[in-house]
Amino acid sequence: MSATPLALQQATILQHCKVLHLPTVAGQCAALAAQAVRERHTHLGYLEALLAAEVDERERHAIARRLKDAHL
């Protein structure tokens, strides 16, 4: 049984995300892609949403790390 082109694309995307240290992109790319199709977003709209999710998650982790380091 061979993998479908879509499955191969998804596996490749997940591998790239791992190499680039983009865990949020890896975790949300499929859901945001489905949402983009449903809501007829452009490619740039999809990319913007995906990158915004990564930035938001990194900011959340940075705040949590600073609070922990400050012993608050």
Protein backbone atom coordinates (compact mmCIF):
# COMPACT_ATOMS: atom_id res chain seq x y z
CA MET A 1 0.00 0.00 0.00
CA SER A 2 1.51 3.33 -1.05
CA ALA A 3 0.97 6.68 0.60
CA THR A 4 -1.21 9.25 -1.11
CA PRO A 5 0.33 12.49 -2.39
CA LEU A 6 -1.54 14.39 0.34
CA ALA A 7 -0.16 12.10 3.05
CA LEU A 8 3.35 12.53 1.66
CA GLN A 9 2.94 16.32 1.61
CA GLN A 10 1.71 16.32 5.20
CA ALA A 11 4.61 14.13 6.33
CA THR A 12 7.08 16.40 4.55
CA ILE A 13 5.55 19.51 6.12
CA LEU A 14 5.75 17.96 9.59
CA GLN A 15 9.39 17.01 9.02
CA HIS A 16 10.23 20.55 7.86
CA CYS A 17 8.49 21.97 10.92
CA LYS A 18 10.55 19.70 13.15
CA VAL A 19 13.81 20.78 11.52
CA LEU A 20 12.80 24.46 11.72
CA HIS A 21 11.53 24.13 15.32
CA LEU A 22 7.97 25.21 14.48
CA PRO A 23 5.85 23.01 16.76
CA THR A 24 2.73 25.16 16.59
CA VAL A 25 2.81 25.24 12.80
CA ALA A 26 3.17 21.46 12.80
CA GLY A 27 0.28 21.06 15.21
CA GLN A 28 -2.11 23.46 13.53
CA CYS A 29 -1.31 23.34 9.81
CA ALA A 30 -3.91 20.68 8.95
CA ALA A 31 -6.72 22.31 10.94
CA LEU A 32 -5.95 25.78 9.62
CA ALA A 33 -5.69 24.43 6.07
CA ALA A 34 -9.16 22.89 6.39
CA GLN A 35 -10.49 26.16 7.82
CA ALA A 36 -8.87 28.10 4.98
CA VAL A 37 -10.61 25.88 2.43
CA ARG A 38 -13.99 26.22 4.20
CA GLU A 39 -13.69 29.99 4.52
CA ARG A 40 -12.05 30.44 1.11
CA HIS A 41 -8.94 32.14 2.43
CA THR A 42 -6.11 32.97 0.09
CA HIS A 43 -2.76 31.24 0.38
CA LEU A 44 -1.41 34.34 2.07
CA GLY A 45 -4.34 34.41 4.48
CA TYR A 46 -3.64 30.80 5.44
CA LEU A 47 0.07 31.50 5.88
CA GLU A 48 -0.69 34.59 7.97
CA ALA A 49 -2.96 32.60 10.30
CA LEU A 50 -0.41 29.81 10.61
CA LEU A 51 2.48 32.13 11.42
CA ALA A 52 0.34 34.20 13.80
CA ALA A 53 -0.45 31.03 15.75
CA GLU A 54 3.28 30.25 16.03
CA VAL A 55 4.10 33.80 17.16
CA ASP A 56 1.27 33.83 19.71
CA GLU A 57 2.40 30.51 21.19
CA ARG A 58 6.02 31.64 21.40
CA GLU A 59 4.97 34.87 23.12
CA ARG A 60 2.86 32.88 25.59
CA HIS A 61 5.81 30.62 26.39
CA ALA A 62 8.16 33.59 26.73
CA ILE A 63 5.85 35.28 29.24
CA ALA A 64 5.50 32.06 31.23
CA ARG A 65 9.29 31.59 31.21
CA ARG A 66 9.89 35.18 32.41
CA LEU A 67 7.36 34.78 35.20
CA LYS A 68 9.01 31.55 36.28
CA ASP A 69 12.47 33.14 36.18
CA ALA A 70 11.18 36.08 38.24
CA HIS A 71 9.79 33.61 40.80
CA LEU A 72 6.33 35.16 40.60
